[in-house]
Amino acid sequence: MPKYDDIRFAPPAPVAYVTLRIPGSDKAIDDVPLLIDSGADVTLLPQATIDLLGITADSSESYSTGRI
């Protein structure tokens, strides 16, 4: 059973604390809180974590909600 975070979310939401690492590198960050949403189409990462790992987005990729 996942932990429910009642500090960042109201009402409390299920959160997984994960380790993010860059394949082929020794860069990793532990205990990154990620909202568990099994019906989600995409996964979002905290901007601060992306910055710490030095990850850059692929500008040729995009996501559309399908809304007009």
N, C-alpha and C. Protein backbone atom coordinates (compact mmCIF):
# COMPACT_ATOMS: atom_id res chain seq x y z
N MET A 1 0.84 -1.17 0.00
CA MET A 1 0.00 0.00 0.00
C MET A 1 0.89 1.25 0.00
N PRO A 2 0.69 2.16 -0.94
CA PRO A 2 1.53 3.37 -0.99
C PRO A 2 1.20 4.32 0.16
N LYS A 3 2.16 5.16 0.47
CA LYS A 3 1.93 6.20 1.47
C LYS A 3 1.07 7.29 0.86
N TYR A 4 0.21 7.87 1.67
CA TYR A 4 -0.60 9.00 1.22
C TYR A 4 0.01 10.28 1.79
N ASP A 5 0.25 11.25 0.91
CA ASP A 5 0.85 12.53 1.29
C ASP A 5 -0.26 13.53 1.59
N ASP A 6 -0.36 13.91 2.87
CA ASP A 6 -1.37 14.89 3.26
C ASP A 6 -0.79 16.28 3.47
N ILE A 7 0.49 16.43 3.13
CA ILE A 7 1.15 17.74 3.25
C ILE A 7 1.08 18.47 1.90
N ARG A 8 1.42 17.78 0.81
CA ARG A 8 1.42 18.41 -0.52
C ARG A 8 0.07 18.34 -1.22
N PHE A 9 -0.80 17.44 -0.77
CA PHE A 9 -2.07 17.22 -1.48
C PHE A 9 -3.26 17.29 -0.53
N ALA A 10 -4.32 17.91 -1.01
CA ALA A 10 -5.58 17.95 -0.26
C ALA A 10 -6.70 17.64 -1.23
N PRO A 11 -7.36 16.54 -1.14
CA PRO A 11 -7.20 15.49 -0.13
C PRO A 11 -5.89 14.73 -0.34
N PRO A 12 -5.47 13.98 0.68
CA PRO A 12 -4.23 13.21 0.58
C PRO A 12 -4.22 12.32 -0.66
N ALA A 13 -3.04 12.19 -1.28
CA ALA A 13 -2.90 11.42 -2.52
C ALA A 13 -1.78 10.40 -2.37
N PRO A 14 -1.87 9.27 -3.12
CA PRO A 14 -0.81 8.25 -3.04
C PRO A 14 0.46 8.74 -3.74
N VAL A 15 1.58 8.54 -3.05
CA VAL A 15 2.87 9.01 -3.55
C VAL A 15 3.90 7.89 -3.44
N ALA A 16 4.72 7.74 -4.46
CA ALA A 16 5.84 6.80 -4.43
C ALA A 16 7.12 7.61 -4.34
N TYR A 17 8.03 7.18 -3.50
CA TYR A 17 9.34 7.82 -3.40
C TYR A 17 10.31 6.96 -4.19
N VAL A 18 10.84 7.51 -5.28
CA VAL A 18 11.63 6.74 -6.24
C VAL A 18 13.04 7.29 -6.37
N THR A 19 13.89 6.50 -7.00
CA THR A 19 15.23 6.94 -7.37
C THR A 19 15.24 7.17 -8.87
N LEU A 20 15.64 8.36 -9.28
CA LEU A 20 15.78 8.68 -10.70
C LEU A 20 17.26 8.67 -11.03
N ARG A 21 17.60 7.96 -12.11
CA ARG A 21 19.00 7.95 -12.53
C ARG A 21 19.09 8.03 -14.04
N ILE A 22 20.21 8.53 -14.49
CA ILE A 22 20.47 8.64 -15.93
C ILE A 22 21.21 7.38 -16.35
N PRO A 23 20.65 6.61 -17.30
CA PRO A 23 21.33 5.39 -17.76
C PRO A 23 22.73 5.70 -18.28
N GLY A 24 23.68 4.86 -17.92
CA GLY A 24 25.05 5.03 -18.37
C GLY A 24 25.81 6.11 -17.62
N SER A 25 25.24 6.60 -16.52
CA SER A 25 25.86 7.67 -15.74
C SER A 25 25.78 7.31 -14.27
N ASP A 26 26.59 7.97 -13.46
CA ASP A 26 26.50 7.75 -12.02
C ASP A 26 25.58 8.78 -11.36
N LYS A 27 24.96 9.65 -12.16
CA LYS A 27 24.04 10.65 -11.61
C LYS A 27 22.73 9.99 -11.20
N ALA A 28 22.32 10.23 -9.94
CA ALA A 28 21.06 9.70 -9.44
C ALA A 28 20.57 10.57 -8.30
N ILE A 29 19.28 10.61 -8.12
CA ILE A 29 18.67 11.33 -7.00
C ILE A 29 17.67 10.39 -6.35
N ASP A 30 17.82 10.20 -5.04
CA ASP A 30 16.95 9.31 -4.27
C ASP A 30 15.76 10.06 -3.69
N ASP A 31 14.73 9.29 -3.36
CA ASP A 31 13.55 9.79 -2.63
C ASP A 31 12.84 10.94 -3.32
N VAL A 32 12.67 10.84 -4.62
CA VAL A 32 11.91 11.83 -5.38
C VAL A 32 10.42 11.47 -5.26
N PRO A 33 9.60 12.38 -4.73
CA PRO A 33 8.18 12.06 -4.58
C PRO A 33 7.44 12.18 -5.92
N LEU A 34 6.75 11.11 -6.33
CA LEU A 34 5.97 11.11 -7.55
C LEU A 34 4.55 10.70 -7.22
N LEU A 35 3.59 11.46 -7.71
CA LEU A 35 2.18 11.14 -7.53
C LEU A 35 1.84 9.89 -8.31
N ILE A 36 1.17 8.94 -7.65
CA ILE A 36 0.75 7.72 -8.32
C ILE A 36 -0.62 7.98 -8.94
N ASP A 37 -0.67 7.91 -10.25
CA ASP A 37 -1.92 8.09 -10.98
C ASP A 37 -1.95 7.03 -12.08
N SER A 38 -2.56 5.89 -11.78
CA SER A 38 -2.52 4.77 -12.70
C SER A 38 -3.31 5.02 -13.98
N GLY A 39 -4.13 6.07 -14.01
CA GLY A 39 -4.87 6.39 -15.23
C GLY A 39 -4.24 7.49 -16.05
N ALA A 40 -3.07 7.96 -15.65
CA ALA A 40 -2.42 9.07 -16.34
C ALA A 40 -1.84 8.64 -17.68
N ASP A 41 -1.88 9.54 -18.65
CA ASP A 41 -1.28 9.29 -19.96
C ASP A 41 0.21 9.61 -19.97
N VAL A 42 0.66 10.48 -19.09
CA VAL A 42 2.05 10.89 -19.04
C VAL A 42 2.53 10.92 -17.59
N THR A 43 3.85 10.96 -17.42
CA THR A 43 4.46 11.11 -16.10
C THR A 43 5.21 12.42 -16.08
N LEU A 44 4.97 13.22 -15.06
CA LEU A 44 5.66 14.49 -14.90
C LEU A 44 6.70 14.36 -13.81
N LEU A 45 7.86 14.96 -14.04
CA LEU A 45 8.93 14.95 -13.04
C LEU A 45 9.09 16.34 -12.46
N PRO A 46 9.46 16.43 -11.18
CA PRO A 46 9.68 17.74 -10.57
C PRO A 46 10.80 18.51 -11.30
N GLN A 47 10.57 19.78 -11.61
CA GLN A 47 11.55 20.60 -12.34
C GLN A 47 12.88 20.66 -11.61
N ALA A 48 12.85 20.74 -10.28
CA ALA A 48 14.10 20.82 -9.50
C ALA A 48 14.94 19.55 -9.70
N THR A 49 14.29 18.41 -9.81
CA THR A 49 15.01 17.15 -10.03
C THR A 49 15.61 17.11 -11.43
N ILE A 50 14.86 17.56 -12.40
CA ILE A 50 15.36 17.63 -13.78
C ILE A 50 16.60 18.52 -13.85
N ASP A 51 16.52 19.66 -13.17
CA ASP A 51 17.65 20.59 -13.16
C ASP A 51 18.88 19.97 -12.49
N LEU A 52 18.68 19.27 -11.38
CA LEU A 52 19.81 18.65 -10.67
C LEU A 52 20.48 17.55 -11.50
N LEU A 53 19.68 16.81 -12.25
CA LEU A 53 20.25 15.75 -13.09
C LEU A 53 20.81 16.28 -14.40
N GLY A 54 20.49 17.53 -14.75
CA GLY A 54 20.98 18.10 -15.99
C GLY A 54 20.28 17.56 -17.21
N ILE A 55 19.01 17.17 -17.03
CA ILE A 55 18.23 16.62 -18.13
C ILE A 55 17.66 17.76 -18.96
N THR A 56 17.66 17.59 -20.27
CA THR A 56 17.01 18.58 -21.13
C THR A 56 15.90 17.89 -21.92
N ALA A 57 14.83 18.61 -22.16
CA ALA A 57 13.71 18.06 -22.90
C ALA A 57 14.05 17.99 -24.39
N ASP A 58 13.51 16.99 -25.05
CA ASP A 58 13.65 16.85 -26.49
C ASP A 58 12.59 17.74 -27.12
N SER A 59 13.00 18.86 -27.70
CA SER A 59 12.05 19.83 -28.24
C SER A 59 11.30 19.32 -29.46
N SER A 60 11.73 18.18 -30.00
CA SER A 60 11.00 17.62 -31.14
C SER A 60 9.80 16.78 -30.68
N GLU A 61 9.70 16.53 -29.39
CA GLU A 61 8.60 15.76 -28.82
C GLU A 61 7.60 16.70 -28.17
N SER A 62 6.33 16.33 -28.24
CA SER A 62 5.30 17.14 -27.56
C SER A 62 4.17 16.23 -27.13
N TYR A 63 3.29 16.79 -26.32
CA TYR A 63 2.14 16.06 -25.81
C TYR A 63 0.91 16.90 -26.03
N SER A 64 -0.14 16.31 -26.55
CA SER A 64 -1.38 17.02 -26.78
C SER A 64 -2.48 16.42 -25.93
N THR A 65 -3.28 17.28 -25.34
CA THR A 65 -4.42 16.81 -24.55
C THR A 65 -5.59 16.42 -25.41
N GLY A 66 -5.54 16.81 -26.68
CA GLY A 66 -6.64 16.53 -27.59
C GLY A 66 -7.77 17.53 -27.46
N ARG A 67 -7.60 18.51 -26.58
CA ARG A 67 -8.61 19.54 -26.41
C ARG A 67 -8.40 20.64 -27.43
N ILE A 68 -9.48 21.24 -27.86
CA ILE A 68 -9.39 22.33 -28.84
C ILE A 68 -9.61 23.64 -28.14
